[in-house]
Amino acid sequence: MKLRIIIIAGIVLVVFGMLTVFMGSSVLLDLFGIREKEGNYVPFVVWANVICGFLYLIAANGLFRKKIWAVHLLFIATGILLLTFAGLYIHIRTGGIYELKTVYAMTFRTVITLVLAVVSMKLMNKKT
């Protein structure tokens, strides 16, 4: 059962990571007209998401191989997202332009990353 949950978490990370890297890169590089569809995006938020997308992919590889460093990467990604959230808050409070969907997406991404980190930690700790 534990192995099945680790595999599911790894698959979620692969899908989430690939989608994140694709969408973030498309906004940053203005591919496929996605930048225009995103509206008032906040560049440092997009950069943080792309970095976390790569961390998700690497962490997924680690989870599939049952390596504890994968859990560490997920907590690092959570930290990056929390710092980015703090920066977004400052950006908003100082009158920076943004989309409300950015706040919702950051909340969702941060919660999902934290949940995956905690679940992975508990499962890896039971293994070791």
Protein backbone atom coordinates (compact mmCIF):
# COMPACT_ATOMS: atom_id res chain seq x y z
CA MET A 1 0.00 0.00 0.00
CA LYS A 2 2.80 2.41 0.91
CA LEU A 3 4.56 1.71 -2.37
CA ARG A 4 1.35 2.34 -4.29
CA ILE A 5 0.91 5.74 -2.62
CA ILE A 6 4.53 6.66 -3.37
CA ILE A 7 4.01 5.71 -7.03
CA ILE A 8 0.79 7.75 -7.20
CA ALA A 9 2.57 10.74 -5.61
CA GLY A 10 5.37 10.35 -8.14
CA ILE A 11 2.93 10.26 -11.05
CA VAL A 12 1.14 13.35 -9.70
CA LEU A 13 4.53 15.10 -9.47
CA VAL A 14 5.45 14.15 -13.05
CA VAL A 15 2.15 15.42 -14.45
CA PHE A 16 2.15 18.54 -12.26
CA GLY A 17 5.82 19.20 -13.05
CA MET A 18 5.47 18.80 -16.80
CA LEU A 19 2.38 20.99 -16.90
CA THR A 20 4.10 23.62 -14.74
CA VAL A 21 7.26 23.72 -16.83
CA PHE A 22 5.28 23.83 -20.08
CA MET A 23 2.88 26.57 -19.00
CA GLY A 24 5.50 28.66 -17.19
CA SER A 25 7.97 28.43 -20.04
CA SER A 26 5.24 29.28 -22.52
CA VAL A 27 4.42 32.45 -20.58
CA LEU A 28 8.06 33.46 -20.14
CA LEU A 29 8.98 32.75 -23.77
CA ASP A 30 5.62 33.94 -25.15
CA LEU A 31 4.87 30.63 -26.87
CA PHE A 32 1.50 29.68 -28.33
CA GLY A 33 -0.05 33.02 -27.34
CA ILE A 34 -0.27 31.90 -23.71
CA ARG A 35 1.27 35.11 -22.35
CA GLU A 36 -1.63 37.14 -23.73
CA LYS A 37 -4.17 34.65 -22.33
CA GLU A 38 -2.60 34.90 -18.88
CA GLY A 39 -3.19 38.64 -18.65
CA ASN A 40 -1.31 40.50 -15.92
CA TYR A 41 1.07 37.79 -14.86
CA VAL A 42 3.76 38.42 -12.25
CA PRO A 43 7.16 37.38 -13.70
CA PHE A 44 8.84 36.32 -10.45
CA VAL A 45 5.86 34.08 -9.66
CA VAL A 46 6.14 32.41 -13.06
CA TRP A 47 9.90 31.91 -12.60
CA ALA A 48 9.37 30.36 -9.15
CA ASN A 49 6.73 28.04 -10.57
CA VAL A 50 9.03 26.90 -13.39
CA ILE A 51 11.83 26.22 -10.90
CA CYS A 52 9.41 24.24 -8.74
CA GLY A 53 8.23 22.37 -11.83
CA PHE A 54 11.76 21.11 -12.39
CA LEU A 55 12.04 20.25 -8.68
CA TYR A 56 8.80 18.24 -8.97
CA LEU A 57 10.23 16.23 -11.86
CA ILE A 58 13.48 15.51 -10.03
CA ALA A 59 11.60 14.67 -6.82
CA ALA A 60 9.35 12.28 -8.73
CA ASN A 61 12.44 10.45 -9.96
CA GLY A 62 13.66 10.24 -6.37
CA LEU A 63 10.32 8.97 -5.11
CA PHE A 64 10.25 6.25 -7.76
CA ARG A 65 13.74 5.24 -6.59
CA LYS A 66 12.68 5.54 -2.89
CA LYS A 67 15.31 8.20 -2.09
CA ILE A 68 14.81 10.44 0.94
CA TRP A 69 16.32 13.43 -0.87
CA ALA A 70 13.10 13.57 -2.90
CA VAL A 71 11.28 14.62 0.27
CA HIS A 72 13.88 17.32 0.87
CA LEU A 73 13.31 18.67 -2.65
CA LEU A 74 9.58 18.87 -2.02
CA PHE A 75 10.15 20.84 1.18
CA ILE A 76 12.56 23.13 -0.70
CA ALA A 77 9.85 23.66 -3.34
CA THR A 78 7.37 24.43 -0.56
CA GLY A 79 9.80 27.00 0.87
CA ILE A 80 10.29 28.60 -2.54
CA LEU A 81 6.53 28.85 -2.99
CA LEU A 82 6.02 30.35 0.48
CA LEU A 83 8.72 32.96 -0.18
CA THR A 84 7.16 33.68 -3.57
CA PHE A 85 3.76 34.02 -1.91
CA ALA A 86 5.26 36.56 0.51
CA GLY A 87 6.74 38.43 -2.46
CA LEU A 88 3.39 38.32 -4.23
CA TYR A 89 1.70 39.75 -1.14
CA ILE A 90 4.21 42.63 -1.08
CA HIS A 91 3.74 43.11 -4.84
CA ILE A 92 -0.03 43.36 -4.39
CA ARG A 93 0.16 45.65 -1.33
CA THR A 94 2.45 48.06 -3.16
CA GLY A 95 0.03 48.39 -6.07
CA GLY A 96 1.54 45.88 -8.49
CA ILE A 97 -0.72 44.51 -11.18
CA TYR A 98 -1.79 40.88 -10.91
CA GLU A 99 -4.63 38.52 -11.65
CA LEU A 100 -6.73 37.09 -8.83
CA LYS A 101 -6.29 33.67 -10.42
CA THR A 102 -2.57 33.99 -9.58
CA VAL A 103 -3.42 34.11 -5.87
CA TYR A 104 -5.70 31.08 -6.21
CA ALA A 105 -3.13 29.16 -8.25
CA MET A 106 -0.34 29.94 -5.76
CA THR A 107 -2.54 28.80 -2.89
CA PHE A 108 -3.40 25.56 -4.69
CA ARG A 109 0.21 24.88 -5.73
CA THR A 110 1.59 25.59 -2.26
CA VAL A 111 -0.96 23.37 -0.51
CA ILE A 112 -0.49 20.50 -2.98
CA THR A 113 3.31 20.71 -2.69
CA LEU A 114 3.18 20.76 1.11
CA VAL A 115 0.76 17.81 1.21
CA LEU A 116 2.95 15.79 -1.16
CA ALA A 117 6.03 16.65 0.91
CA VAL A 118 4.42 15.61 4.20
CA VAL A 119 2.89 12.41 2.79
CA SER A 120 6.19 11.46 1.15
CA MET A 121 8.07 12.16 4.36
CA LYS A 122 5.75 9.96 6.40
CA LEU A 123 5.96 7.13 3.88
CA MET A 124 9.74 7.36 3.53
CA ASN A 125 10.21 7.49 7.31
CA LYS A 126 8.19 4.29 7.68
CA LYS A 127 10.43 2.69 5.06
CA THR A 128 13.71 3.63 6.77
